[in-house]
Amino acid sequence: MSMRMNERLADLFGRRSIRTYADGEIGDDTVRDLLEAAMAAPSTCARDPWHFLVIRRMEMLCRIAEGLPNGKMLTDASAGIVVCGDLNTAHDNQLSYLLQDCAAAIENLLLAAHMLGLGACWLGVHPREKRVEHISKLFSLPPSVIPVSCIALGKQGERKEARTRYRDDAVHVDRW
């Protein structure tokens, strides 16, 4: 594995999953910045099927965590964002396009959180049926809206070193 990291990509290599949060609120302007970054992501045919539920109430963060086995850090987070996609809006009403578009928005949101000095962690919801059902019922989502993930957000309570996960064996040039 190569440890050479281009310094111009420091924000990208420095983004890590942060699961421990310090006390402190995340302001409305910062949440807006995160959502603007998320919505700046590319989407298939510019359909932008994403929707974002911003969760600030601790009671709701705890209820989300009850249905996400790896989401216990939500109980210490300042906020959470549930990223959903509307199948009726996705290109050709295709689930695959919806998932790709939401994943691009999620990555933008995670990078923006890191660049703003926040900690964030991506918690998968889709395709786990129990998790999808839990979030869908909790927020009374319309049938065409699919919860894709939940992002835990907070002031960083831990620091992790920048890293690359580059592997030569995963790169194929001109043939497999």
N, C-alpha and C. Protein backbone atom coordinates (compact mmCIF):
# COMPACT_ATOMS: atom_id res chain seq x y z
N MET A 1 0.85 -1.17 0.00
CA MET A 1 0.00 0.00 0.00
C MET A 1 0.89 1.23 0.00
N SER A 2 0.54 2.19 -0.83
CA SER A 2 1.29 3.43 -0.93
C SER A 2 0.82 4.43 0.11
N MET A 3 1.76 5.10 0.76
CA MET A 3 1.40 6.12 1.74
C MET A 3 1.65 7.52 1.17
N ARG A 4 1.99 7.62 -0.11
CA ARG A 4 2.19 8.91 -0.75
C ARG A 4 0.83 9.57 -0.92
N MET A 5 0.69 10.77 -0.37
CA MET A 5 -0.58 11.48 -0.50
C MET A 5 -0.30 12.87 -1.06
N ASN A 6 -0.96 13.21 -2.13
CA ASN A 6 -0.83 14.53 -2.73
C ASN A 6 -1.38 15.57 -1.76
N GLU A 7 -0.57 16.54 -1.38
CA GLU A 7 -0.97 17.55 -0.41
C GLU A 7 -2.18 18.36 -0.87
N ARG A 8 -2.34 18.51 -2.18
CA ARG A 8 -3.49 19.27 -2.68
C ARG A 8 -4.81 18.53 -2.43
N LEU A 9 -4.72 17.26 -2.08
CA LEU A 9 -5.91 16.45 -1.79
C LEU A 9 -6.05 16.20 -0.29
N ALA A 10 -5.41 17.02 0.52
CA ALA A 10 -5.39 16.81 1.97
C ALA A 10 -6.80 16.72 2.57
N ASP A 11 -7.72 17.55 2.11
CA ASP A 11 -9.08 17.50 2.67
C ASP A 11 -9.75 16.16 2.38
N LEU A 12 -9.49 15.61 1.23
CA LEU A 12 -10.07 14.32 0.88
C LEU A 12 -9.45 13.20 1.72
N PHE A 13 -8.12 13.17 1.82
CA PHE A 13 -7.45 12.11 2.59
C PHE A 13 -7.71 12.26 4.09
N GLY A 14 -7.98 13.46 4.54
CA GLY A 14 -8.23 13.68 5.97
C GLY A 14 -9.63 13.32 6.42
N ARG A 15 -10.54 13.14 5.47
CA ARG A 15 -11.91 12.78 5.84
C ARG A 15 -11.93 11.36 6.36
N ARG A 16 -12.36 11.21 7.58
CA ARG A 16 -12.43 9.89 8.22
C ARG A 16 -13.77 9.78 8.94
N SER A 17 -14.21 8.58 9.20
CA SER A 17 -15.44 8.38 9.98
C SER A 17 -15.15 8.71 11.43
N ILE A 18 -15.86 9.70 11.94
CA ILE A 18 -15.71 10.14 13.33
C ILE A 18 -16.94 9.66 14.08
N ARG A 19 -16.70 8.90 15.15
CA ARG A 19 -17.81 8.28 15.91
C ARG A 19 -17.91 8.80 17.33
N THR A 20 -17.01 9.70 17.72
CA THR A 20 -17.03 10.29 19.06
C THR A 20 -17.15 11.79 18.90
N TYR A 21 -18.08 12.38 19.63
CA TYR A 21 -18.37 13.80 19.46
C TYR A 21 -18.22 14.56 20.78
N ALA A 22 -17.74 15.79 20.63
CA ALA A 22 -17.63 16.70 21.77
C ALA A 22 -18.94 17.48 21.87
N ASP A 23 -19.17 18.07 23.03
CA ASP A 23 -20.37 18.89 23.22
C ASP A 23 -20.32 20.10 22.29
N GLY A 24 -21.48 20.52 21.87
CA GLY A 24 -21.57 21.72 21.04
C GLY A 24 -22.59 21.55 19.94
N GLU A 25 -23.27 22.62 19.68
CA GLU A 25 -24.30 22.63 18.64
C GLU A 25 -23.68 22.89 17.26
N ILE A 26 -24.40 22.51 16.25
CA ILE A 26 -24.05 22.84 14.87
C ILE A 26 -25.10 23.86 14.41
N GLY A 27 -24.64 25.04 14.05
CA GLY A 27 -25.55 26.13 13.69
C GLY A 27 -26.33 25.87 12.42
N ASP A 28 -27.43 26.57 12.28
CA ASP A 28 -28.29 26.44 11.10
C ASP A 28 -27.54 26.78 9.82
N ASP A 29 -26.68 27.81 9.87
CA ASP A 29 -25.91 28.18 8.68
C ASP A 29 -24.98 27.06 8.26
N THR A 30 -24.38 26.38 9.22
CA THR A 30 -23.48 25.27 8.92
C THR A 30 -24.25 24.11 8.32
N VAL A 31 -25.41 23.81 8.87
CA VAL A 31 -26.25 22.74 8.31
C VAL A 31 -26.62 23.09 6.87
N ARG A 32 -26.97 24.35 6.64
CA ARG A 32 -27.30 24.79 5.28
C ARG A 32 -26.10 24.60 4.35
N ASP A 33 -24.89 24.95 4.84
CA ASP A 33 -23.68 24.76 4.03
C ASP A 33 -23.48 23.29 3.68
N LEU A 34 -23.71 22.41 4.65
CA LEU A 34 -23.56 20.97 4.40
C LEU A 34 -24.56 20.49 3.35
N LEU A 35 -25.78 20.96 3.46
CA LEU A 35 -26.82 20.54 2.50
C LEU A 35 -26.56 21.11 1.11
N GLU A 36 -26.06 22.34 1.05
CA GLU A 36 -25.70 22.91 -0.25
C GLU A 36 -24.58 22.09 -0.90
N ALA A 37 -23.60 21.69 -0.08
CA ALA A 37 -22.51 20.85 -0.60
C ALA A 37 -23.05 19.52 -1.10
N ALA A 38 -23.95 18.92 -0.33
CA ALA A 38 -24.55 17.64 -0.73
C ALA A 38 -25.27 17.79 -2.06
N MET A 39 -26.04 18.85 -2.20
CA MET A 39 -26.84 19.05 -3.41
C MET A 39 -26.03 19.56 -4.59
N ALA A 40 -24.74 19.84 -4.37
CA ALA A 40 -23.85 20.20 -5.48
C ALA A 40 -23.32 18.96 -6.19
N ALA A 41 -23.63 17.80 -5.65
CA ALA A 41 -23.16 16.54 -6.24
C ALA A 41 -23.80 16.32 -7.61
N PRO A 42 -23.11 15.58 -8.46
CA PRO A 42 -23.74 15.23 -9.74
C PRO A 42 -24.88 14.25 -9.52
N SER A 43 -25.83 14.27 -10.42
CA SER A 43 -26.88 13.25 -10.40
C SER A 43 -27.24 12.92 -11.84
N THR A 44 -27.69 11.71 -12.03
CA THR A 44 -28.00 11.24 -13.37
C THR A 44 -29.06 12.12 -14.02
N CYS A 45 -28.72 12.68 -15.17
CA CYS A 45 -29.61 13.57 -15.93
C CYS A 45 -30.14 14.72 -15.07
N ALA A 46 -29.36 15.12 -14.07
CA ALA A 46 -29.72 16.23 -13.17
C ALA A 46 -31.11 16.06 -12.57
N ARG A 47 -31.45 14.83 -12.20
CA ARG A 47 -32.77 14.56 -11.63
C ARG A 47 -32.83 14.89 -10.14
N ASP A 48 -31.70 14.91 -9.46
CA ASP A 48 -31.63 15.28 -8.03
C ASP A 48 -32.73 14.63 -7.20
N PRO A 49 -32.73 13.31 -7.08
CA PRO A 49 -33.81 12.63 -6.38
C PRO A 49 -33.70 12.68 -4.85
N TRP A 50 -32.67 13.33 -4.35
CA TRP A 50 -32.40 13.30 -2.92
C TRP A 50 -33.31 14.20 -2.11
N HIS A 51 -33.51 13.79 -0.87
CA HIS A 51 -34.21 14.56 0.17
C HIS A 51 -33.44 14.34 1.45
N PHE A 52 -33.44 15.34 2.33
CA PHE A 52 -32.62 15.30 3.53
C PHE A 52 -33.49 15.64 4.75
N LEU A 53 -33.54 14.72 5.69
CA LEU A 53 -34.23 14.97 6.95
C LEU A 53 -33.16 15.41 7.96
N VAL A 54 -33.26 16.63 8.44
CA VAL A 54 -32.32 17.13 9.44
C VAL A 54 -32.89 16.85 10.82
N ILE A 55 -32.14 16.12 11.61
CA ILE A 55 -32.61 15.69 12.92
C ILE A 55 -31.75 16.36 13.99
N ARG A 56 -32.40 17.12 14.86
CA ARG A 56 -31.69 17.80 15.94
C ARG A 56 -32.14 17.33 17.32
N ARG A 57 -33.37 16.86 17.43
CA ARG A 57 -33.90 16.45 18.74
C ARG A 57 -33.25 15.14 19.19
N MET A 58 -32.70 15.14 20.38
CA MET A 58 -32.02 13.96 20.90
C MET A 58 -32.95 12.76 20.94
N GLU A 59 -34.21 12.96 21.26
CA GLU A 59 -35.17 11.85 21.30
C GLU A 59 -35.22 11.15 19.94
N MET A 60 -35.24 11.93 18.87
CA MET A 60 -35.31 11.33 17.53
C MET A 60 -33.99 10.67 17.14
N LEU A 61 -32.87 11.28 17.52
CA LEU A 61 -31.58 10.65 17.24
C LEU A 61 -31.49 9.29 17.93
N CYS A 62 -31.98 9.23 19.16
CA CYS A 62 -31.98 7.96 19.90
C CYS A 62 -32.91 6.94 19.25
N ARG A 63 -34.04 7.40 18.76
CA ARG A 63 -34.97 6.47 18.11
C ARG A 63 -34.41 5.94 16.80
N ILE A 64 -33.70 6.78 16.08
CA ILE A 64 -33.03 6.31 14.86
C ILE A 64 -32.02 5.24 15.23
N ALA A 65 -31.21 5.53 16.25
CA ALA A 65 -30.14 4.61 16.67
C ALA A 65 -30.69 3.25 17.07
N GLU A 66 -31.91 3.20 17.61
CA GLU A 66 -32.51 1.93 18.00
C GLU A 66 -32.63 0.96 16.83
N GLY A 67 -32.77 1.48 15.61
CA GLY A 67 -32.93 0.63 14.44
C GLY A 67 -31.69 0.47 13.60
N LEU A 68 -30.58 1.07 14.04
CA LEU A 68 -29.33 0.96 13.29
C LEU A 68 -28.27 0.34 14.20
N PRO A 69 -27.99 -0.94 14.04
CA PRO A 69 -27.07 -1.64 14.95
C PRO A 69 -25.71 -0.97 15.12
N ASN A 70 -25.23 -0.29 14.08
CA ASN A 70 -23.93 0.38 14.18
C ASN A 70 -24.07 1.88 14.40
N GLY A 71 -25.24 2.32 14.80
CA GLY A 71 -25.51 3.75 14.89
C GLY A 71 -25.59 4.31 16.29
N LYS A 72 -24.99 3.64 17.26
CA LYS A 72 -25.10 4.11 18.65
C LYS A 72 -24.49 5.49 18.85
N MET A 73 -23.53 5.90 17.98
CA MET A 73 -22.93 7.23 18.12
C MET A 73 -23.94 8.35 17.90
N LEU A 74 -25.08 8.03 17.30
CA LEU A 74 -26.12 9.05 17.11
C LEU A 74 -26.62 9.61 18.44
N THR A 75 -26.53 8.81 19.49
CA THR A 75 -27.02 9.27 20.80
C THR A 75 -26.11 10.34 21.41
N ASP A 76 -24.91 10.51 20.85
CA ASP A 76 -23.99 11.54 21.30
C ASP A 76 -23.79 12.64 20.27
N ALA A 77 -24.41 12.49 19.11
CA ALA A 77 -24.24 13.45 18.02
C ALA A 77 -25.05 14.72 18.29
N SER A 78 -24.61 15.82 17.69
CA SER A 78 -25.34 17.08 17.78
C SER A 78 -26.51 17.10 16.82
N ALA A 79 -26.36 16.35 15.72
CA ALA A 79 -27.41 16.33 14.69
C ALA A 79 -27.23 15.07 13.86
N GLY A 80 -28.25 14.77 13.12
CA GLY A 80 -28.19 13.68 12.16
C GLY A 80 -28.89 14.13 10.89
N ILE A 81 -28.47 13.57 9.79
CA ILE A 81 -29.14 13.84 8.51
C ILE A 81 -29.47 12.50 7.88
N VAL A 82 -30.76 12.28 7.67
CA VAL A 82 -31.21 11.07 6.98
C VAL A 82 -31.30 11.42 5.50
N VAL A 83 -30.54 10.70 4.69
CA VAL A 83 -30.53 10.94 3.25
C VAL A 83 -31.46 9.93 2.60
N CYS A 84 -32.43 10.47 1.88
CA CYS A 84 -33.44 9.65 1.21
C CYS A 84 -33.44 9.98 -0.27
N GLY A 85 -33.98 9.08 -1.04
CA GLY A 85 -34.17 9.33 -2.46
C GLY A 85 -35.59 9.01 -2.86
N ASP A 86 -36.12 9.79 -3.77
CA ASP A 86 -37.48 9.59 -4.27
C ASP A 86 -37.41 8.84 -5.60
N LEU A 87 -37.90 7.61 -5.58
CA LEU A 87 -37.87 6.77 -6.77
C LEU A 87 -38.64 7.39 -7.93
N ASN A 88 -39.67 8.18 -7.63
CA ASN A 88 -40.45 8.84 -8.69
C ASN A 88 -39.66 9.93 -9.38
N THR A 89 -38.62 10.43 -8.74
CA THR A 89 -37.81 11.50 -9.30
C THR A 89 -36.54 10.96 -9.95
N ALA A 90 -36.07 9.81 -9.53
CA ALA A 90 -34.83 9.23 -10.05
C ALA A 90 -34.93 8.99 -11.56
N HIS A 91 -33.80 9.10 -12.24
CA HIS A 91 -33.78 8.88 -13.68
C HIS A 91 -34.37 7.51 -14.02
N ASP A 92 -35.31 7.51 -14.94
CA ASP A 92 -36.02 6.29 -15.36
C ASP A 92 -36.64 5.54 -14.20
N ASN A 93 -36.86 6.22 -13.07
CA ASN A 93 -37.42 5.60 -11.87
C ASN A 93 -36.61 4.37 -11.44
N GLN A 94 -35.31 4.42 -11.66
CA GLN A 94 -34.44 3.29 -11.39
C GLN A 94 -33.77 3.43 -10.02
N LEU A 95 -33.88 2.37 -9.22
CA LEU A 95 -33.27 2.35 -7.90
C LEU A 95 -31.76 2.55 -7.97
N SER A 96 -31.11 1.94 -8.94
CA SER A 96 -29.66 2.07 -9.05
C SER A 96 -29.24 3.52 -9.24
N TYR A 97 -29.93 4.25 -10.09
CA TYR A 97 -29.61 5.66 -10.27
C TYR A 97 -29.86 6.45 -8.99
N LEU A 98 -30.96 6.17 -8.32
CA LEU A 98 -31.27 6.83 -7.05
C LEU A 98 -30.12 6.62 -6.06
N LEU A 99 -29.66 5.39 -5.93
CA LEU A 99 -28.59 5.07 -4.98
C LEU A 99 -27.28 5.74 -5.35
N GLN A 100 -26.95 5.76 -6.63
CA GLN A 100 -25.72 6.43 -7.07
C GLN A 100 -25.79 7.93 -6.78
N ASP A 101 -26.92 8.53 -7.09
CA ASP A 101 -27.08 9.97 -6.88
C ASP A 101 -27.01 10.33 -5.40
N CYS A 102 -27.67 9.53 -4.56
CA CYS A 102 -27.63 9.79 -3.12
C CYS A 102 -26.23 9.57 -2.56
N ALA A 103 -25.53 8.54 -3.06
CA ALA A 103 -24.17 8.28 -2.58
C ALA A 103 -23.24 9.44 -2.91
N ALA A 104 -23.39 10.03 -4.09
CA ALA A 104 -22.58 11.19 -4.45
C ALA A 104 -22.87 12.36 -3.51
N ALA A 105 -24.14 12.58 -3.20
CA ALA A 105 -24.52 13.66 -2.28
C ALA A 105 -23.98 13.40 -0.88
N ILE A 106 -24.03 12.14 -0.45
CA ILE A 106 -23.53 11.77 0.88
C ILE A 106 -22.04 12.06 0.97
N GLU A 107 -21.29 11.65 -0.05
CA GLU A 107 -19.84 11.88 -0.02
C GLU A 107 -19.53 13.38 0.01
N ASN A 108 -20.25 14.17 -0.77
CA ASN A 108 -20.05 15.62 -0.71
C ASN A 108 -20.32 16.16 0.69
N LEU A 109 -21.39 15.68 1.31
CA LEU A 109 -21.74 16.12 2.66
C LEU A 109 -20.63 15.75 3.65
N LEU A 110 -20.11 14.54 3.54
CA LEU A 110 -19.06 14.09 4.44
C LEU A 110 -17.78 14.90 4.26
N LEU A 111 -17.42 15.18 3.02
CA LEU A 111 -16.23 16.00 2.76
C LEU A 111 -16.42 17.42 3.28
N ALA A 112 -17.61 17.98 3.07
CA ALA A 112 -17.89 19.33 3.57
C ALA A 112 -17.81 19.37 5.09
N ALA A 113 -18.36 18.36 5.76
CA ALA A 113 -18.29 18.31 7.22
C ALA A 113 -16.84 18.32 7.68
N HIS A 114 -16.01 17.51 7.05
CA HIS A 114 -14.59 17.48 7.41
C HIS A 114 -13.93 18.84 7.17
N MET A 115 -14.21 19.45 6.03
CA MET A 115 -13.61 20.73 5.69
C MET A 115 -14.04 21.85 6.63
N LEU A 116 -15.22 21.67 7.24
CA LEU A 116 -15.73 22.66 8.22
C LEU A 116 -15.32 22.31 9.64
N GLY A 117 -14.50 21.27 9.80
CA GLY A 117 -13.98 20.91 11.12
C GLY A 117 -14.93 20.07 11.96
N LEU A 118 -15.95 19.49 11.32
CA LEU A 118 -16.92 18.66 12.03
C LEU A 118 -16.55 17.19 11.89
N GLY A 119 -17.09 16.39 12.79
CA GLY A 119 -16.98 14.95 12.68
C GLY A 119 -18.27 14.40 12.10
N ALA A 120 -18.15 13.38 11.26
CA ALA A 120 -19.33 12.79 10.63
C ALA A 120 -19.08 11.31 10.39
N CYS A 121 -20.17 10.55 10.39
CA CYS A 121 -20.08 9.12 10.12
C CYS A 121 -21.28 8.68 9.29
N TRP A 122 -21.01 7.97 8.21
CA TRP A 122 -22.03 7.46 7.30
C TRP A 122 -22.54 6.14 7.85
N LEU A 123 -23.84 6.06 8.09
CA LEU A 123 -24.48 4.85 8.59
C LEU A 123 -25.42 4.32 7.50
N GLY A 124 -25.15 3.12 7.03
CA GLY A 124 -25.97 2.56 5.97
C GLY A 124 -27.36 2.17 6.45
N VAL A 125 -28.34 2.45 5.64
CA VAL A 125 -29.72 2.04 5.88
C VAL A 125 -30.13 1.07 4.78
N HIS A 126 -30.20 1.54 3.54
CA HIS A 126 -30.52 0.69 2.40
C HIS A 126 -29.31 -0.16 2.10
N PRO A 127 -29.43 -1.44 1.80
CA PRO A 127 -30.62 -2.21 1.45
C PRO A 127 -31.18 -3.07 2.59
N ARG A 128 -30.76 -2.83 3.82
CA ARG A 128 -31.23 -3.65 4.94
C ARG A 128 -32.71 -3.38 5.20
N GLU A 129 -33.56 -4.37 4.91
CA GLU A 129 -35.01 -4.19 4.98
C GLU A 129 -35.49 -3.69 6.34
N LYS A 130 -34.96 -4.26 7.42
CA LYS A 130 -35.40 -3.83 8.75
C LYS A 130 -35.03 -2.38 9.01
N ARG A 131 -33.86 -1.96 8.55
CA ARG A 131 -33.43 -0.57 8.73
C ARG A 131 -34.28 0.38 7.90
N VAL A 132 -34.52 -0.01 6.65
CA VAL A 132 -35.36 0.81 5.77
C VAL A 132 -36.75 0.97 6.38
N GLU A 133 -37.31 -0.14 6.84
CA GLU A 133 -38.64 -0.12 7.45
C GLU A 133 -38.65 0.75 8.71
N HIS A 134 -37.62 0.63 9.53
CA HIS A 134 -37.53 1.41 10.77
C HIS A 134 -37.56 2.91 10.48
N ILE A 135 -36.71 3.35 9.57
CA ILE A 135 -36.63 4.78 9.24
C ILE A 135 -37.91 5.23 8.53
N SER A 136 -38.40 4.42 7.63
CA SER A 136 -39.62 4.77 6.89
C SER A 136 -40.80 4.98 7.83
N LYS A 137 -40.97 4.07 8.78
CA LYS A 137 -42.07 4.20 9.74
C LYS A 137 -41.85 5.37 10.69
N LEU A 138 -40.62 5.53 11.16
CA LEU A 138 -40.30 6.58 12.12
C LEU A 138 -40.64 7.97 11.57
N PHE A 139 -40.43 8.16 10.28
CA PHE A 139 -40.66 9.47 9.67
C PHE A 139 -41.85 9.50 8.72
N SER A 140 -42.63 8.42 8.71
CA SER A 140 -43.82 8.35 7.83
C SER A 140 -43.47 8.74 6.39
N LEU A 141 -42.44 8.10 5.86
CA LEU A 141 -42.01 8.43 4.51
C LEU A 141 -43.03 7.94 3.49
N PRO A 142 -43.23 8.70 2.42
CA PRO A 142 -44.10 8.23 1.34
C PRO A 142 -43.51 6.96 0.73
N PRO A 143 -44.35 6.11 0.14
CA PRO A 143 -43.87 4.83 -0.41
C PRO A 143 -42.75 4.97 -1.44
N SER A 144 -42.73 6.06 -2.19
CA SER A 144 -41.70 6.23 -3.22
C SER A 144 -40.37 6.73 -2.66
N VAL A 145 -40.32 7.11 -1.40
CA VAL A 145 -39.11 7.66 -0.79
C VAL A 145 -38.39 6.57 -0.01
N ILE A 146 -37.13 6.38 -0.35
CA ILE A 146 -36.32 5.31 0.22
C ILE A 146 -35.21 5.92 1.07
N PRO A 147 -35.14 5.56 2.36
CA PRO A 147 -34.02 6.03 3.17
C PRO A 147 -32.76 5.26 2.78
N VAL A 148 -31.73 6.01 2.43
CA VAL A 148 -30.48 5.40 1.95
C VAL A 148 -29.46 5.31 3.07
N SER A 149 -29.36 6.39 3.86
CA SER A 149 -28.35 6.41 4.93
C SER A 149 -28.72 7.45 5.97
N CYS A 150 -27.97 7.40 7.05
CA CYS A 150 -28.07 8.42 8.08
C CYS A 150 -26.65 8.88 8.36
N ILE A 151 -26.47 10.18 8.48
CA ILE A 151 -25.16 10.75 8.79
C ILE A 151 -25.21 11.30 10.20
N ALA A 152 -24.32 10.81 11.07
CA ALA A 152 -24.16 11.37 12.41
C ALA A 152 -23.20 12.54 12.30
N LEU A 153 -23.55 13.66 12.95
CA LEU A 153 -22.74 14.88 12.88
C LEU A 153 -22.49 15.44 14.26
N GLY A 154 -21.31 15.99 14.46
CA GLY A 154 -21.01 16.65 15.71
C GLY A 154 -19.64 17.29 15.69
N LYS A 155 -19.34 18.00 16.74
CA LYS A 155 -17.99 18.53 16.93
C LYS A 155 -17.08 17.32 17.16
N GLN A 156 -15.91 17.33 16.56
CA GLN A 156 -15.03 16.17 16.66
C GLN A 156 -14.61 15.90 18.10
N GLY A 157 -14.84 14.68 18.54
CA GLY A 157 -14.40 14.24 19.85
C GLY A 157 -13.21 13.30 19.75
N GLU A 158 -12.76 13.06 18.53
CA GLU A 158 -11.58 12.24 18.28
C GLU A 158 -10.93 12.75 17.01
N ARG A 159 -9.65 12.51 16.90
CA ARG A 159 -8.88 12.91 15.71
C ARG A 159 -8.27 11.65 15.11
N LYS A 160 -8.32 11.59 13.81
CA LYS A 160 -7.72 10.46 13.10
C LYS A 160 -6.77 11.01 12.04
N GLU A 161 -5.71 10.29 11.82
CA GLU A 161 -4.71 10.69 10.83
C GLU A 161 -5.28 10.56 9.42
N ALA A 162 -4.82 11.45 8.54
CA ALA A 162 -5.16 11.32 7.12
C ALA A 162 -4.57 10.01 6.62
N ARG A 163 -5.22 9.45 5.63
CA ARG A 163 -4.71 8.19 5.08
C ARG A 163 -5.17 8.00 3.65
N THR A 164 -4.47 7.14 2.99
CA THR A 164 -4.90 6.67 1.68
C THR A 164 -5.12 5.17 1.80
N ARG A 165 -6.04 4.68 1.04
CA ARG A 165 -6.29 3.23 1.02
C ARG A 165 -5.96 2.66 -0.35
N TYR A 166 -5.08 3.37 -1.03
CA TYR A 166 -4.65 2.96 -2.36
C TYR A 166 -4.03 1.57 -2.33
N ARG A 167 -4.41 0.77 -3.33
CA ARG A 167 -3.84 -0.58 -3.47
C ARG A 167 -3.52 -0.81 -4.95
N ASP A 168 -2.28 -1.13 -5.23
CA ASP A 168 -1.88 -1.42 -6.61
C ASP A 168 -2.70 -2.57 -7.20
N ASP A 169 -3.03 -3.57 -6.37
CA ASP A 169 -3.74 -4.74 -6.89
C ASP A 169 -5.20 -4.43 -7.28
N ALA A 170 -5.68 -3.25 -6.97
CA ALA A 170 -7.04 -2.87 -7.35
C ALA A 170 -7.07 -2.05 -8.64
N VAL A 171 -5.89 -1.79 -9.21
CA VAL A 171 -5.79 -0.98 -10.43
C VAL A 171 -5.48 -1.88 -11.61
N HIS A 172 -6.24 -1.74 -12.67
CA HIS A 172 -6.08 -2.53 -13.89
C HIS A 172 -5.99 -1.56 -15.06
N VAL A 173 -4.92 -1.62 -15.82
CA VAL A 173 -4.72 -0.70 -16.92
C VAL A 173 -4.91 -1.44 -18.24
N ASP A 174 -5.86 -0.99 -19.00
CA ASP A 174 -6.17 -1.51 -20.34
C ASP A 174 -6.66 -2.93 -20.40
N ARG A 175 -6.59 -3.67 -19.31
CA ARG A 175 -7.13 -5.03 -19.27
C ARG A 175 -7.18 -5.48 -17.81
N TRP A 176 -7.89 -6.53 -17.53
CA TRP A 176 -7.98 -7.06 -16.16
C TRP A 176 -6.70 -7.76 -15.89
